[in-house]
Amino acid sequence: MTAFTSHMPLALEEARAAAKRGEVPVGAVITNPEGRIVARAGNRTRELHDPTAHAEILAIRDACALLGSERLPGHRLWVTLEPCPMCAAAISAARIEVLYFGADDPRMGGVRHGAKVFDHPQCHHRPEIHDGIAAAESSAILREFFAERR
């Protein structure tokens, strides 16, 4: 049996890099069933002029391209903020096995709040969910980012 390794520190690195680019600081990492990193990304909506360029979407796109598949069974996604409804739907479509996320997002979240995408009867795939992973650090990065802009 392999020891559990959290990849949230790498997701937090991606979030900090996004903040330095002026993006909302969200980072994501995808690992394969063996625990190796296959993709990592931070938000790039402003840079790419693309409202879908959330960290989760970019990481899913990269992982799928690398594997030559539209599905990622057995893979795990680590993200610093609760995914929005769009990202939750993409997680379901990609068949991500396990979702780990940091900070809750009561305003825009789509997993534990708001749309609760995985609870919807039309949701075809529901990942195992672990929330609150490095939540304090994830929240602090977001608070600092928005405090500097107010």
N, C-alpha and C. Protein backbone atom coordinates (compact mmCIF):
# COMPACT_ATOMS: atom_id res chain seq x y z
N MET A 1 0.84 -1.18 0.00
CA MET A 1 0.00 0.00 0.00
C MET A 1 0.88 1.24 0.00
N THR A 2 0.56 2.19 -0.85
CA THR A 2 1.34 3.42 -0.95
C THR A 2 0.85 4.44 0.08
N ALA A 3 1.79 5.23 0.56
CA ALA A 3 1.46 6.28 1.52
C ALA A 3 0.71 7.41 0.80
N PHE A 4 -0.19 8.05 1.52
CA PHE A 4 -0.94 9.17 0.98
C PHE A 4 -0.02 10.38 0.86
N THR A 5 -0.04 11.02 -0.30
CA THR A 5 0.72 12.24 -0.53
C THR A 5 -0.23 13.32 -0.98
N SER A 6 -0.23 14.42 -0.27
CA SER A 6 -1.06 15.56 -0.68
C SER A 6 -0.33 16.36 -1.75
N HIS A 7 -1.04 16.68 -2.80
CA HIS A 7 -0.47 17.52 -3.86
C HIS A 7 -1.00 18.94 -3.77
N MET A 8 -1.64 19.25 -2.65
CA MET A 8 -2.15 20.61 -2.46
C MET A 8 -1.02 21.65 -2.42
N PRO A 9 0.18 21.34 -1.89
CA PRO A 9 1.23 22.35 -1.95
C PRO A 9 1.54 22.82 -3.39
N LEU A 10 1.48 21.90 -4.36
CA LEU A 10 1.72 22.29 -5.75
C LEU A 10 0.55 23.10 -6.30
N ALA A 11 -0.67 22.76 -5.90
CA ALA A 11 -1.83 23.55 -6.30
C ALA A 11 -1.72 24.96 -5.72
N LEU A 12 -1.25 25.07 -4.50
CA LEU A 12 -1.05 26.39 -3.88
C LEU A 12 0.03 27.19 -4.63
N GLU A 13 1.08 26.51 -5.09
CA GLU A 13 2.10 27.19 -5.93
C GLU A 13 1.46 27.76 -7.19
N GLU A 14 0.60 26.97 -7.82
CA GLU A 14 -0.09 27.43 -9.03
C GLU A 14 -1.00 28.62 -8.72
N ALA A 15 -1.65 28.59 -7.57
CA ALA A 15 -2.52 29.71 -7.17
C ALA A 15 -1.69 30.98 -6.97
N ARG A 16 -0.55 30.86 -6.30
CA ARG A 16 0.32 32.03 -6.10
C ARG A 16 0.83 32.57 -7.43
N ALA A 17 1.18 31.70 -8.35
CA ALA A 17 1.64 32.13 -9.67
C ALA A 17 0.52 32.85 -10.41
N ALA A 18 -0.72 32.36 -10.28
CA ALA A 18 -1.86 33.01 -10.91
C ALA A 18 -2.02 34.42 -10.35
N ALA A 19 -1.90 34.57 -9.04
CA ALA A 19 -2.03 35.89 -8.41
C ALA A 19 -0.99 36.85 -8.96
N LYS A 20 0.23 36.38 -9.14
CA LYS A 20 1.30 37.24 -9.69
C LYS A 20 0.99 37.69 -11.11
N ARG A 21 0.20 36.90 -11.84
CA ARG A 21 -0.21 37.28 -13.20
C ARG A 21 -1.45 38.16 -13.19
N GLY A 22 -1.99 38.44 -11.98
CA GLY A 22 -3.19 39.24 -11.88
C GLY A 22 -4.48 38.45 -12.02
N GLU A 23 -4.35 37.13 -11.97
CA GLU A 23 -5.51 36.24 -12.08
C GLU A 23 -6.02 35.90 -10.68
N VAL A 24 -7.30 35.57 -10.58
CA VAL A 24 -7.83 35.07 -9.31
C VAL A 24 -7.00 33.85 -8.93
N PRO A 25 -6.42 33.84 -7.73
CA PRO A 25 -5.47 32.80 -7.35
C PRO A 25 -6.08 31.45 -7.03
N VAL A 26 -6.28 30.67 -8.08
CA VAL A 26 -6.75 29.29 -7.94
C VAL A 26 -5.76 28.42 -8.69
N GLY A 27 -5.37 27.32 -8.05
CA GLY A 27 -4.45 26.38 -8.68
C GLY A 27 -4.99 24.97 -8.63
N ALA A 28 -4.58 24.16 -9.60
CA ALA A 28 -5.05 22.78 -9.68
C ALA A 28 -3.93 21.85 -10.13
N VAL A 29 -3.99 20.62 -9.64
CA VAL A 29 -3.03 19.57 -9.99
C VAL A 29 -3.82 18.29 -10.22
N ILE A 30 -3.46 17.56 -11.27
CA ILE A 30 -4.08 16.25 -11.52
C ILE A 30 -3.00 15.18 -11.41
N THR A 31 -3.33 14.12 -10.67
CA THR A 31 -2.40 12.99 -10.54
C THR A 31 -3.05 11.75 -11.13
N ASN A 32 -2.21 10.86 -11.62
CA ASN A 32 -2.71 9.61 -12.20
C ASN A 32 -2.97 8.59 -11.08
N PRO A 33 -3.47 7.40 -11.42
CA PRO A 33 -3.76 6.42 -10.37
C PRO A 33 -2.55 6.01 -9.53
N GLU A 34 -1.35 6.18 -10.08
CA GLU A 34 -0.14 5.85 -9.33
C GLU A 34 0.34 7.02 -8.48
N GLY A 35 -0.33 8.17 -8.57
CA GLY A 35 0.04 9.35 -7.77
C GLY A 35 1.01 10.30 -8.44
N ARG A 36 1.36 10.04 -9.71
CA ARG A 36 2.28 10.93 -10.42
C ARG A 36 1.51 12.11 -11.02
N ILE A 37 2.12 13.25 -11.01
CA ILE A 37 1.49 14.46 -11.55
C ILE A 37 1.46 14.37 -13.07
N VAL A 38 0.27 14.58 -13.64
CA VAL A 38 0.13 14.58 -15.10
C VAL A 38 -0.18 15.97 -15.64
N ALA A 39 -0.70 16.86 -14.78
CA ALA A 39 -1.00 18.23 -15.23
C ALA A 39 -1.13 19.13 -14.01
N ARG A 40 -0.82 20.40 -14.24
CA ARG A 40 -1.01 21.41 -13.21
C ARG A 40 -1.25 22.74 -13.90
N ALA A 41 -2.06 23.58 -13.28
CA ALA A 41 -2.41 24.85 -13.91
C ALA A 41 -2.95 25.82 -12.86
N GLY A 42 -2.91 27.08 -13.24
CA GLY A 42 -3.53 28.14 -12.46
C GLY A 42 -4.49 28.88 -13.36
N ASN A 43 -5.37 29.66 -12.78
CA ASN A 43 -6.32 30.43 -13.58
C ASN A 43 -5.60 31.29 -14.62
N ARG A 44 -6.19 31.40 -15.81
CA ARG A 44 -5.64 32.22 -16.90
C ARG A 44 -6.77 32.89 -17.70
N THR A 45 -7.89 33.19 -17.04
CA THR A 45 -9.02 33.76 -17.76
C THR A 45 -8.70 35.12 -18.38
N ARG A 46 -8.00 35.97 -17.64
CA ARG A 46 -7.65 37.30 -18.17
C ARG A 46 -6.58 37.20 -19.25
N GLU A 47 -5.56 36.43 -18.97
CA GLU A 47 -4.45 36.28 -19.92
C GLU A 47 -4.91 35.73 -21.26
N LEU A 48 -5.79 34.73 -21.22
CA LEU A 48 -6.24 34.08 -22.45
C LEU A 48 -7.54 34.68 -23.00
N HIS A 49 -8.11 35.66 -22.28
CA HIS A 49 -9.39 36.24 -22.68
C HIS A 49 -10.41 35.13 -22.89
N ASP A 50 -10.47 34.24 -21.88
CA ASP A 50 -11.30 33.05 -21.99
C ASP A 50 -11.97 32.78 -20.65
N PRO A 51 -13.28 32.98 -20.55
CA PRO A 51 -13.95 32.76 -19.27
C PRO A 51 -13.93 31.30 -18.81
N THR A 52 -13.56 30.39 -19.68
CA THR A 52 -13.48 28.97 -19.28
C THR A 52 -12.08 28.56 -18.84
N ALA A 53 -11.14 29.47 -18.84
CA ALA A 53 -9.74 29.12 -18.52
C ALA A 53 -9.50 29.08 -17.01
N HIS A 54 -10.36 28.36 -16.31
CA HIS A 54 -10.17 28.12 -14.88
C HIS A 54 -9.09 27.07 -14.70
N ALA A 55 -8.44 27.08 -13.55
CA ALA A 55 -7.34 26.15 -13.27
C ALA A 55 -7.75 24.70 -13.52
N GLU A 56 -8.94 24.33 -13.05
CA GLU A 56 -9.39 22.94 -13.20
C GLU A 56 -9.55 22.57 -14.67
N ILE A 57 -10.18 23.45 -15.44
CA ILE A 57 -10.42 23.18 -16.87
C ILE A 57 -9.09 23.05 -17.60
N LEU A 58 -8.16 23.97 -17.34
CA LEU A 58 -6.86 23.92 -18.02
C LEU A 58 -6.10 22.64 -17.66
N ALA A 59 -6.14 22.25 -16.40
CA ALA A 59 -5.45 21.02 -15.99
C ALA A 59 -6.12 19.79 -16.63
N ILE A 60 -7.44 19.77 -16.67
CA ILE A 60 -8.15 18.65 -17.31
C ILE A 60 -7.80 18.59 -18.79
N ARG A 61 -7.80 19.74 -19.47
CA ARG A 61 -7.44 19.76 -20.90
C ARG A 61 -6.03 19.21 -21.13
N ASP A 62 -5.09 19.66 -20.30
CA ASP A 62 -3.70 19.21 -20.45
C ASP A 62 -3.57 17.71 -20.20
N ALA A 63 -4.21 17.23 -19.14
CA ALA A 63 -4.13 15.80 -18.82
C ALA A 63 -4.75 14.95 -19.93
N CYS A 64 -5.90 15.37 -20.42
CA CYS A 64 -6.57 14.63 -21.50
C CYS A 64 -5.72 14.62 -22.77
N ALA A 65 -5.13 15.76 -23.10
CA ALA A 65 -4.26 15.84 -24.29
C ALA A 65 -3.06 14.93 -24.13
N LEU A 66 -2.46 14.93 -22.95
CA LEU A 66 -1.28 14.09 -22.69
C LEU A 66 -1.62 12.61 -22.83
N LEU A 67 -2.80 12.24 -22.34
CA LEU A 67 -3.20 10.83 -22.35
C LEU A 67 -3.94 10.42 -23.62
N GLY A 68 -4.30 11.41 -24.44
CA GLY A 68 -5.04 11.09 -25.66
C GLY A 68 -6.42 10.53 -25.38
N SER A 69 -7.07 11.08 -24.36
CA SER A 69 -8.39 10.58 -23.97
C SER A 69 -9.23 11.73 -23.42
N GLU A 70 -10.54 11.64 -23.58
CA GLU A 70 -11.42 12.64 -23.02
C GLU A 70 -11.83 12.30 -21.58
N ARG A 71 -11.37 11.18 -21.09
CA ARG A 71 -11.72 10.73 -19.75
C ARG A 71 -10.46 10.45 -18.93
N LEU A 72 -10.58 10.66 -17.64
CA LEU A 72 -9.45 10.47 -16.73
C LEU A 72 -9.83 9.56 -15.56
N PRO A 73 -10.30 8.35 -15.84
CA PRO A 73 -10.68 7.45 -14.74
C PRO A 73 -9.47 7.14 -13.87
N GLY A 74 -9.72 7.08 -12.58
CA GLY A 74 -8.64 6.77 -11.63
C GLY A 74 -7.80 7.97 -11.25
N HIS A 75 -8.00 9.10 -11.90
CA HIS A 75 -7.20 10.28 -11.62
C HIS A 75 -7.79 11.09 -10.48
N ARG A 76 -6.93 11.90 -9.88
CA ARG A 76 -7.31 12.74 -8.74
C ARG A 76 -7.03 14.19 -9.08
N LEU A 77 -7.91 15.06 -8.64
CA LEU A 77 -7.76 16.49 -8.87
C LEU A 77 -7.64 17.19 -7.53
N TRP A 78 -6.61 18.01 -7.42
CA TRP A 78 -6.36 18.83 -6.25
C TRP A 78 -6.57 20.27 -6.67
N VAL A 79 -7.47 21.00 -6.01
CA VAL A 79 -7.72 22.39 -6.38
C VAL A 79 -7.89 23.22 -5.11
N THR A 80 -7.39 24.44 -5.14
CA THR A 80 -7.34 25.28 -3.95
C THR A 80 -8.69 25.86 -3.54
N LEU A 81 -9.64 25.93 -4.46
CA LEU A 81 -10.95 26.51 -4.18
C LEU A 81 -12.04 25.56 -4.67
N GLU A 82 -13.13 25.51 -3.95
CA GLU A 82 -14.27 24.70 -4.37
C GLU A 82 -14.60 24.99 -5.83
N PRO A 83 -14.66 23.98 -6.68
CA PRO A 83 -14.97 24.21 -8.10
C PRO A 83 -16.33 24.86 -8.31
N CYS A 84 -16.38 25.73 -9.31
CA CYS A 84 -17.64 26.36 -9.71
C CYS A 84 -18.49 25.32 -10.45
N PRO A 85 -19.74 25.62 -10.77
CA PRO A 85 -20.57 24.65 -11.49
C PRO A 85 -19.97 24.20 -12.83
N MET A 86 -19.36 25.12 -13.58
CA MET A 86 -18.76 24.76 -14.86
C MET A 86 -17.65 23.73 -14.65
N CYS A 87 -16.79 23.99 -13.68
CA CYS A 87 -15.67 23.08 -13.42
C CYS A 87 -16.15 21.76 -12.85
N ALA A 88 -17.17 21.80 -11.99
CA ALA A 88 -17.72 20.56 -11.45
C ALA A 88 -18.28 19.69 -12.58
N ALA A 89 -18.96 20.32 -13.54
CA ALA A 89 -19.48 19.56 -14.68
C ALA A 89 -18.34 18.95 -15.49
N ALA A 90 -17.25 19.69 -15.68
CA ALA A 90 -16.09 19.17 -16.42
C ALA A 90 -15.44 18.02 -15.66
N ILE A 91 -15.37 18.13 -14.34
CA ILE A 91 -14.81 17.06 -13.50
C ILE A 91 -15.64 15.79 -13.68
N SER A 92 -16.95 15.94 -13.69
CA SER A 92 -17.84 14.80 -13.91
C SER A 92 -17.65 14.21 -15.30
N ALA A 93 -17.61 15.08 -16.31
CA ALA A 93 -17.46 14.61 -17.70
C ALA A 93 -16.13 13.89 -17.90
N ALA A 94 -15.09 14.34 -17.21
CA ALA A 94 -13.76 13.73 -17.34
C ALA A 94 -13.64 12.45 -16.51
N ARG A 95 -14.64 12.18 -15.69
CA ARG A 95 -14.65 10.98 -14.84
C ARG A 95 -13.51 10.97 -13.82
N ILE A 96 -13.15 12.17 -13.30
CA ILE A 96 -12.15 12.26 -12.24
C ILE A 96 -12.65 11.41 -11.07
N GLU A 97 -11.77 10.58 -10.52
CA GLU A 97 -12.19 9.67 -9.45
C GLU A 97 -12.33 10.36 -8.10
N VAL A 98 -11.33 11.20 -7.76
CA VAL A 98 -11.33 11.85 -6.45
C VAL A 98 -11.05 13.34 -6.62
N LEU A 99 -11.84 14.17 -5.93
CA LEU A 99 -11.65 15.61 -5.91
C LEU A 99 -11.25 16.02 -4.51
N TYR A 100 -10.12 16.73 -4.40
CA TYR A 100 -9.68 17.34 -3.15
C TYR A 100 -9.74 18.84 -3.37
N PHE A 101 -10.39 19.57 -2.46
CA PHE A 101 -10.33 21.02 -2.61
C PHE A 101 -10.10 21.69 -1.27
N GLY A 102 -9.59 22.92 -1.35
CA GLY A 102 -9.22 23.67 -0.16
C GLY A 102 -10.36 24.50 0.39
N ALA A 103 -10.42 25.75 -0.02
CA ALA A 103 -11.39 26.69 0.53
C ALA A 103 -12.79 26.47 -0.04
N ASP A 104 -13.78 26.65 0.81
CA ASP A 104 -15.17 26.65 0.35
C ASP A 104 -15.41 27.94 -0.43
N ASP A 105 -16.37 27.89 -1.34
CA ASP A 105 -16.77 29.08 -2.09
C ASP A 105 -18.29 29.22 -2.02
N PRO A 106 -18.80 29.80 -0.91
CA PRO A 106 -20.25 29.91 -0.74
C PRO A 106 -20.93 30.74 -1.83
N ARG A 107 -20.21 31.66 -2.46
CA ARG A 107 -20.81 32.53 -3.47
C ARG A 107 -20.87 31.88 -4.84
N MET A 108 -19.81 31.21 -5.27
CA MET A 108 -19.73 30.68 -6.64
C MET A 108 -19.48 29.18 -6.72
N GLY A 109 -19.36 28.51 -5.58
CA GLY A 109 -19.07 27.08 -5.58
C GLY A 109 -20.19 26.26 -6.20
N GLY A 110 -19.81 25.11 -6.73
CA GLY A 110 -20.78 24.24 -7.36
C GLY A 110 -20.76 22.82 -6.83
N VAL A 111 -20.03 22.61 -5.71
CA VAL A 111 -19.90 21.28 -5.15
C VAL A 111 -20.66 21.18 -3.83
N ARG A 112 -20.25 21.95 -2.85
CA ARG A 112 -20.91 21.96 -1.54
C ARG A 112 -21.92 23.10 -1.42
N HIS A 113 -21.84 24.07 -2.33
CA HIS A 113 -22.71 25.24 -2.32
C HIS A 113 -23.41 25.39 -3.67
N GLY A 114 -24.33 26.33 -3.74
CA GLY A 114 -24.96 26.68 -5.01
C GLY A 114 -25.56 25.51 -5.74
N ALA A 115 -25.10 25.29 -6.97
CA ALA A 115 -25.69 24.28 -7.86
C ALA A 115 -25.54 22.84 -7.37
N LYS A 116 -24.53 22.58 -6.56
CA LYS A 116 -24.27 21.22 -6.07
C LYS A 116 -24.38 20.21 -7.22
N VAL A 117 -23.55 20.41 -8.20
CA VAL A 117 -23.60 19.65 -9.46
C VAL A 117 -23.62 18.14 -9.25
N PHE A 118 -22.81 17.64 -8.32
CA PHE A 118 -22.72 16.19 -8.14
C PHE A 118 -23.96 15.60 -7.48
N ASP A 119 -24.79 16.44 -6.89
CA ASP A 119 -26.03 15.97 -6.27
C ASP A 119 -27.20 15.94 -7.26
N HIS A 120 -27.00 16.53 -8.42
CA HIS A 120 -28.07 16.64 -9.41
C HIS A 120 -28.34 15.27 -10.04
N PRO A 121 -29.61 14.91 -10.23
CA PRO A 121 -29.91 13.58 -10.81
C PRO A 121 -29.36 13.37 -12.22
N GLN A 122 -29.11 14.45 -12.96
CA GLN A 122 -28.56 14.29 -14.31
C GLN A 122 -27.04 14.15 -14.33
N CYS A 123 -26.41 14.22 -13.18
CA CYS A 123 -24.95 14.07 -13.11
C CYS A 123 -24.61 12.59 -13.35
N HIS A 124 -23.80 12.34 -14.37
CA HIS A 124 -23.47 10.96 -14.74
C HIS A 124 -22.37 10.34 -13.89
N HIS A 125 -21.49 11.17 -13.37
CA HIS A 125 -20.37 10.65 -12.58
C HIS A 125 -20.15 11.56 -11.38
N ARG A 126 -20.01 10.95 -10.22
CA ARG A 126 -19.77 11.70 -8.99
C ARG A 126 -18.44 11.26 -8.40
N PRO A 127 -17.50 12.19 -8.30
CA PRO A 127 -16.22 11.81 -7.71
C PRO A 127 -16.33 11.68 -6.19
N GLU A 128 -15.41 10.99 -5.62
CA GLU A 128 -15.25 11.00 -4.17
C GLU A 128 -14.74 12.41 -3.84
N ILE A 129 -15.24 13.03 -2.78
CA ILE A 129 -14.89 14.42 -2.48
C ILE A 129 -14.28 14.53 -1.09
N HIS A 130 -13.17 15.27 -1.02
CA HIS A 130 -12.52 15.59 0.26
C HIS A 130 -12.30 17.10 0.26
N ASP A 131 -12.98 17.80 1.15
CA ASP A 131 -12.84 19.25 1.19
C ASP A 131 -12.05 19.68 2.41
N GLY A 132 -11.69 20.97 2.43
CA GLY A 132 -10.97 21.53 3.57
C GLY A 132 -9.48 21.24 3.58
N ILE A 133 -8.93 20.72 2.48
CA ILE A 133 -7.50 20.41 2.40
C ILE A 133 -6.73 21.73 2.23
N ALA A 134 -5.92 22.09 3.20
CA ALA A 134 -5.17 23.36 3.19
C ALA A 134 -6.12 24.55 2.99
N ALA A 135 -7.29 24.46 3.59
CA ALA A 135 -8.32 25.50 3.43
C ALA A 135 -7.86 26.85 3.95
N ALA A 136 -7.19 26.88 5.09
CA ALA A 136 -6.76 28.16 5.67
C ALA A 136 -5.77 28.86 4.74
N GLU A 137 -4.81 28.13 4.21
CA GLU A 137 -3.83 28.72 3.32
C GLU A 137 -4.46 29.15 2.00
N SER A 138 -5.35 28.33 1.47
CA SER A 138 -6.06 28.68 0.24
C SER A 138 -6.87 29.95 0.43
N SER A 139 -7.59 30.04 1.54
CA SER A 139 -8.41 31.22 1.83
C SER A 139 -7.54 32.46 2.01
N ALA A 140 -6.41 32.31 2.68
CA ALA A 140 -5.52 33.45 2.92
C ALA A 140 -5.00 34.02 1.60
N ILE A 141 -4.64 33.16 0.67
CA ILE A 141 -4.15 33.63 -0.64
C ILE A 141 -5.24 34.43 -1.34
N LEU A 142 -6.45 33.95 -1.30
CA LEU A 142 -7.59 34.66 -1.92
C LEU A 142 -7.86 35.99 -1.22
N ARG A 143 -7.90 35.98 0.12
CA ARG A 143 -8.15 37.22 0.88
C ARG A 143 -7.11 38.29 0.56
N GLU A 144 -5.82 37.89 0.56
CA GLU A 144 -4.74 38.84 0.27
C GLU A 144 -4.88 39.40 -1.14
N PHE A 145 -5.19 38.55 -2.09
CA PHE A 145 -5.35 38.98 -3.48
C PHE A 145 -6.43 40.04 -3.60
N PHE A 146 -7.60 39.77 -3.02
CA PHE A 146 -8.72 40.71 -3.15
C PHE A 146 -8.53 41.95 -2.29
N ALA A 147 -7.85 41.83 -1.16
CA ALA A 147 -7.58 43.00 -0.31
C ALA A 147 -6.70 44.02 -1.05
N GLU A 148 -5.77 43.53 -1.83
CA GLU A 148 -4.87 44.42 -2.60
C GLU A 148 -5.62 45.15 -3.71
N ARG A 149 -6.76 44.63 -4.13
CA ARG A 149 -7.51 45.24 -5.22
C ARG A 149 -8.63 46.15 -4.76
N ARG A 150 -8.86 46.22 -3.46
CA ARG A 150 -9.95 47.06 -2.94
C ARG A 150 -9.45 48.39 -2.47
